[in-house]
């Protein structure tokens, strides 16, 4: 698929998929790069299927099949079904291969969520889970529901002005780029969200986060978002996934993210 200026803006962290930068000021993390015990997800495989995964992986054919599938999806205006997450913290036994990953909560989708409940509400975590699941299952309908509503027309207008495709094609590019990293179909297994380290130079990390979008939209988009939502939450995240070979590996490590809060719901961008 054709590269574009949008990919440079939106597709940096998610296998070249989003306008995220590494968590500055961080001296490391207790998230290791690989865990032998995959947390199985109930999410269906992406539309590429085993035909173009693993040893049979072919990037262009996989992307073409994704595009055909996504183009067939009907978008509705129903609320996002978040599912649920268990309140109980699960701590792996000492000596387990994922012991160093720390304690987690298990979502109804079978994904292990690592977060401090005092810092991040469960609804935020479940929304973020659905966001990444949308890439694994090529679910354009759920993907849109995870985005800040006012962001969607802004991006559509910018795409119409600057690119030769729309948000649907850009979503396919994001799915395809992640699949390329995982050698085809993949399943999200673990998500960790934590607070960002404060900038040592005193700069506003959220302003830095929104700068690529402000440049792309040709305006101070950060100030606009602050006026449109009730709050903005700054965070850093990690995502592990099971690749086409059944191995669990780090897919996205230590990147910044912003969540907009509006009317009790949580949204992201990109």
Protein backbone atom coordinates (compact mmCIF):
# COMPACT_ATOMS: atom_id res chain seq x y z
CA UNK A 1 0.00 0.00 0.00
CA UNK A 2 1.16 3.52 -0.71
CA UNK A 3 3.00 5.43 2.02
CA UNK A 4 1.78 8.94 2.79
CA UNK A 5 2.37 11.96 4.95
CA UNK A 6 -0.37 10.65 7.19
CA UNK A 7 1.65 7.57 8.02
CA UNK A 8 4.49 9.78 9.17
CA UNK A 9 2.05 11.59 11.45
CA UNK A 10 -0.16 8.77 12.71
CA UNK A 11 1.67 5.54 12.18
CA UNK A 12 4.83 5.71 14.28
CA UNK A 13 4.15 3.64 17.38
CA UNK A 14 1.69 1.04 16.20
CA UNK A 15 4.20 -0.69 13.90
CA UNK A 16 4.63 2.67 12.19
CA UNK A 17 1.05 3.54 12.97
CA UNK A 18 0.61 6.49 15.30
CA UNK A 19 1.97 9.90 16.26
CA UNK A 20 3.54 8.67 19.47
CA UNK A 21 7.00 9.27 20.89
CA UNK A 22 8.93 7.17 23.39
CA UNK A 23 8.27 7.76 27.06
CA UNK A 24 10.98 10.28 27.82
CA UNK A 25 12.60 10.20 31.20
CA UNK A 26 11.94 6.48 31.63
CA UNK A 27 14.94 4.43 32.77
CA UNK A 28 13.43 1.09 31.88
CA UNK A 29 10.38 -1.02 32.52
CA UNK A 30 9.49 -4.29 34.17
CA UNK A 31 7.87 -5.40 30.90
CA UNK A 32 10.04 -7.98 29.21
CA UNK A 33 10.13 -8.52 25.47
CA UNK A 34 8.82 -12.06 25.41
CA UNK A 35 6.66 -14.34 27.52
CA UNK A 36 6.22 -18.04 26.83
CA UNK A 37 2.74 -18.28 28.33
CA UNK A 38 0.41 -16.46 25.99
CA UNK A 39 -2.84 -15.13 27.42
CA UNK A 40 -5.33 -16.38 24.86
CA UNK A 41 -7.73 -13.76 23.51
CA UNK A 42 -11.27 -14.46 22.33
CA UNK A 43 -10.72 -11.99 19.50
CA UNK A 44 -11.11 -13.53 16.08
CA UNK A 45 -8.13 -13.42 13.76
CA UNK A 46 -7.85 -10.58 11.29
CA UNK A 47 -9.44 -10.92 7.87
CA UNK A 48 -6.13 -11.92 6.31
CA UNK A 49 -6.52 -15.41 7.71
CA UNK A 50 -4.06 -18.28 7.86
CA UNK A 51 -3.93 -18.36 4.06
CA UNK A 52 -1.55 -15.37 4.14
CA UNK A 53 0.01 -15.78 7.61
CA UNK A 54 3.10 -17.39 9.06
CA UNK A 55 5.23 -19.11 6.45
CA UNK A 56 2.60 -18.18 3.86
CA UNK A 57 2.67 -14.48 4.73
CA UNK A 58 2.56 -12.19 1.73
CA UNK A 59 2.30 -8.53 2.62
CA UNK A 60 0.52 -7.21 -0.46
CA UNK A 61 -1.96 -10.07 -0.66
CA UNK A 62 -2.68 -9.79 3.04
CA UNK A 63 -3.26 -6.04 2.76
CA UNK A 64 -5.53 -6.48 -0.26
CA UNK A 65 -7.66 -8.99 1.60
CA UNK A 66 -7.86 -6.65 4.60
CA UNK A 67 -9.01 -3.81 2.36
CA UNK A 68 -11.72 -5.96 0.80
CA UNK A 69 -12.93 -7.00 4.25
CA UNK A 70 -12.88 -3.50 5.75
CA UNK A 71 -14.72 -2.07 2.76
CA UNK A 72 -17.54 -4.53 3.46
CA UNK A 73 -18.02 -3.34 7.05
CA UNK A 74 -21.10 -1.27 7.85
CA UNK A 75 -20.54 1.47 10.40
CA UNK A 76 -23.28 1.98 12.99
CA UNK A 77 -23.87 4.53 15.74
CA UNK A 78 -24.36 2.10 18.61
CA UNK A 79 -22.30 2.46 21.79
CA UNK A 80 -19.03 0.59 22.07
CA UNK A 81 -19.46 -2.68 23.97
CA UNK A 82 -16.59 -2.45 26.45
CA UNK A 83 -17.05 -5.78 28.13
CA UNK A 84 -15.76 -6.00 31.69
CA UNK A 85 -12.62 -6.51 33.75
CA UNK A 86 -12.21 -8.48 36.96
CA UNK A 87 -11.56 -6.35 40.03
CA UNK A 88 -9.20 -8.94 41.49
CA UNK A 89 -5.49 -8.58 40.86
CA UNK A 90 -3.81 -11.76 39.66
CA UNK A 91 -0.18 -12.23 40.64
CA UNK A 92 1.81 -14.93 38.82
CA UNK A 93 3.59 -17.40 41.03
CA UNK A 94 7.23 -16.68 41.69
CA UNK A 95 9.27 -18.45 39.07
CA UNK A 96 6.58 -18.19 36.39
CA UNK A 97 7.87 -16.87 33.06
CA UNK A 98 5.64 -13.81 33.35
CA UNK A 99 6.32 -13.20 37.06
CA UNK A 100 8.41 -10.09 36.33
CA UNK A 101 5.55 -8.57 34.37
CA UNK A 102 3.73 -7.95 37.64
CA UNK A 103 0.11 -8.30 38.67
CA UNK A 104 -2.73 -7.90 36.20
CA UNK A 105 -6.49 -7.90 35.85
CA UNK A 106 -8.18 -10.17 33.35
CA UNK A 107 -10.71 -8.66 30.95
CA UNK A 108 -13.78 -10.48 29.68
CA UNK A 109 -12.01 -10.64 26.32
CA UNK A 110 -9.23 -12.74 27.83
CA UNK A 111 -6.60 -9.99 27.72
CA UNK A 112 -4.29 -9.33 30.67
CA UNK A 113 -4.43 -5.65 31.66
CA UNK A 114 -1.63 -4.11 33.72
CA UNK A 115 -2.53 -0.77 35.30
CA UNK A 116 -2.92 1.14 38.54
CA UNK A 117 -6.64 1.57 39.18
CA UNK A 118 -5.95 4.82 41.05
CA UNK A 119 -4.44 6.31 37.89
CA UNK A 120 -6.56 4.80 35.11
CA UNK A 121 -10.28 3.92 35.26
CA UNK A 122 -11.35 0.51 34.01
CA UNK A 123 -13.42 2.13 31.25
CA UNK A 124 -10.26 3.73 29.87
CA UNK A 125 -8.45 0.40 29.87
CA UNK A 126 -11.33 -1.43 28.24
CA UNK A 127 -11.63 1.24 25.57
CA UNK A 128 -7.91 0.98 24.85
CA UNK A 129 -8.25 -2.79 24.68
CA UNK A 130 -11.01 -2.45 22.08
CA UNK A 131 -8.86 0.03 20.17
CA UNK A 132 -6.01 -2.44 19.76
CA UNK A 133 -8.35 -5.35 19.21
CA UNK A 134 -9.82 -3.43 16.29
CA UNK A 135 -6.44 -3.66 14.53
CA UNK A 136 -6.17 -7.39 15.19
CA UNK A 137 -9.68 -8.12 13.90
CA UNK A 138 -9.80 -5.35 11.27
CA UNK A 139 -12.94 -4.02 12.96
CA UNK A 140 -13.34 -0.56 11.45
CA UNK A 141 -16.67 -0.05 13.20
CA UNK A 142 -15.19 -0.49 16.69
CA UNK A 143 -12.09 1.46 15.72
CA UNK A 144 -14.18 4.55 15.00
CA UNK A 145 -16.01 4.19 18.31
CA UNK A 146 -12.66 4.41 20.15
CA UNK A 147 -11.70 7.70 18.50
CA UNK A 148 -12.51 11.12 19.93
CA UNK A 149 -15.69 12.03 17.97
CA UNK A 150 -14.54 15.54 17.03
CA UNK A 151 -11.25 14.13 15.73
CA UNK A 152 -12.92 12.07 13.00
CA UNK A 153 -14.21 14.91 10.78
CA UNK A 154 -10.94 16.79 11.32
CA UNK A 155 -8.94 13.85 10.03
CA UNK A 156 -11.34 13.13 7.17
CA UNK A 157 -11.04 16.75 6.02
CA UNK A 158 -7.24 16.69 6.31
CA UNK A 159 -7.07 13.45 4.35
CA UNK A 160 -9.29 14.87 1.62
CA UNK A 161 -6.96 17.86 1.38
CA UNK A 162 -3.57 16.19 1.74
CA UNK A 163 -3.90 12.56 0.70
CA UNK A 164 -5.34 10.30 -1.94
CA UNK A 165 -7.33 8.12 0.46
CA UNK A 166 -9.71 8.28 3.41
CA UNK A 167 -9.75 7.09 7.04
CA UNK A 168 -10.85 3.62 6.04
CA UNK A 169 -7.78 3.16 3.82
CA UNK A 170 -5.56 4.59 6.57
CA UNK A 171 -7.04 2.12 9.05
CA UNK A 172 -6.23 -0.72 6.67
CA UNK A 173 -2.65 0.59 6.51
CA UNK A 174 -2.43 0.46 10.30
CA UNK A 175 -3.79 -3.09 10.41
CA UNK A 176 -1.46 -4.14 7.61
CA UNK A 177 1.62 -2.57 9.22
CA UNK A 178 0.97 -4.37 12.49
CA UNK A 179 0.29 -7.64 10.67
CA UNK A 180 3.56 -7.19 8.80
CA UNK A 181 5.38 -6.94 12.11
CA UNK A 182 3.63 -10.08 13.39
CA UNK A 183 3.93 -12.00 10.11
CA UNK A 184 0.19 -12.10 9.51
CA UNK A 185 -2.71 -12.67 11.87
CA UNK A 186 -2.16 -11.80 15.52
CA UNK A 187 -4.04 -11.62 18.81
CA UNK A 188 -3.60 -9.03 21.55
CA UNK A 189 -2.63 -10.75 24.82
CA UNK A 190 -1.41 -8.08 27.27
CA UNK A 191 -1.71 -4.32 27.59
CA UNK A 192 0.10 -2.18 30.13
CA UNK A 193 -0.71 1.49 30.71
CA UNK A 194 1.24 3.63 33.16
CA UNK A 195 1.79 7.28 33.99
CA UNK A 196 4.29 9.22 31.93
CA UNK A 197 7.49 10.43 33.51
CA UNK A 198 7.50 14.21 33.91
CA UNK A 199 9.52 16.11 31.32
CA UNK A 200 12.84 17.15 32.82
CA UNK A 201 12.81 20.41 30.86
CA UNK A 202 9.35 21.29 32.11
CA UNK A 203 7.67 21.10 28.68
CA UNK A 204 4.05 20.00 28.36
CA UNK A 205 4.22 16.38 27.18
CA UNK A 206 0.64 16.55 25.92
CA UNK A 207 1.44 19.58 23.81
CA UNK A 208 4.37 17.64 22.35
CA UNK A 209 2.09 14.67 21.72
CA UNK A 210 -0.42 16.76 19.78
CA UNK A 211 2.20 18.74 17.83
CA UNK A 212 2.24 16.36 14.80
CA UNK A 213 -1.54 16.54 14.56
CA UNK A 214 -1.47 20.32 14.92
CA UNK A 215 1.02 20.50 12.06
CA UNK A 216 -1.03 18.13 9.93
CA UNK A 217 -4.30 19.99 10.57
CA UNK A 218 -2.67 23.40 10.20
CA UNK A 219 -3.87 24.75 13.56
CA UNK A 220 -3.41 24.51 17.32
CA UNK A 221 -5.26 21.24 17.66
CA UNK A 222 -4.20 20.67 21.27
CA UNK A 223 -5.95 23.86 22.42
CA UNK A 224 -9.01 22.89 20.42
CA UNK A 225 -9.20 19.44 22.00
CA UNK A 226 -8.87 20.94 25.49
CA UNK A 227 -11.94 23.05 24.79
CA UNK A 228 -13.93 20.12 23.39
CA UNK A 229 -13.37 17.56 26.14
CA UNK A 230 -13.64 17.39 29.91
CA UNK A 231 -10.10 16.18 30.51
CA UNK A 232 -7.03 14.77 28.75
CA UNK A 233 -5.06 11.92 30.30
CA UNK A 234 -1.38 11.52 29.53
CA UNK A 235 -0.04 7.96 29.57
CA UNK A 236 2.56 5.51 28.32
CA UNK A 237 1.71 2.03 27.05
CA UNK A 238 3.00 -1.40 26.05
CA UNK A 239 1.21 -4.06 24.03
CA UNK A 240 2.06 -7.73 23.70
CA UNK A 241 0.51 -10.01 21.11
CA UNK A 242 0.57 -13.57 19.89
CA UNK A 243 2.02 -13.64 16.40
CA UNK A 244 1.14 -15.91 13.48
CA UNK A 245 3.45 -18.61 14.90
CA UNK A 246 1.72 -18.68 18.28
CA UNK A 247 4.58 -16.87 20.01
CA UNK A 248 3.86 -14.01 22.39
CA UNK A 249 6.05 -11.01 21.75
CA UNK A 250 6.24 -7.28 22.44
CA UNK A 251 4.41 -5.43 19.68
CA UNK A 252 4.53 -1.84 20.98
CA UNK A 253 6.88 -0.79 23.76
CA UNK A 254 6.97 2.38 25.83
CA UNK A 255 5.07 4.88 23.69
CA UNK A 256 3.03 7.88 24.70
CA UNK A 257 -0.71 8.14 24.26
CA UNK A 258 -3.39 10.70 25.10
CA UNK A 259 -6.93 9.87 26.15
CA UNK A 260 -9.70 12.45 25.87
CA UNK A 261 -12.47 12.25 28.45
CA UNK A 262 -15.92 13.46 27.45
CA UNK A 263 -19.30 12.77 29.03
CA UNK A 264 -17.84 9.92 31.07
CA UNK A 265 -16.35 8.14 28.06
CA UNK A 266 -12.72 7.71 27.04
CA UNK A 267 -11.31 8.17 23.57
CA UNK A 268 -7.98 8.23 21.80
CA UNK A 269 -6.58 9.61 18.55
CA UNK A 270 -5.04 8.07 15.46
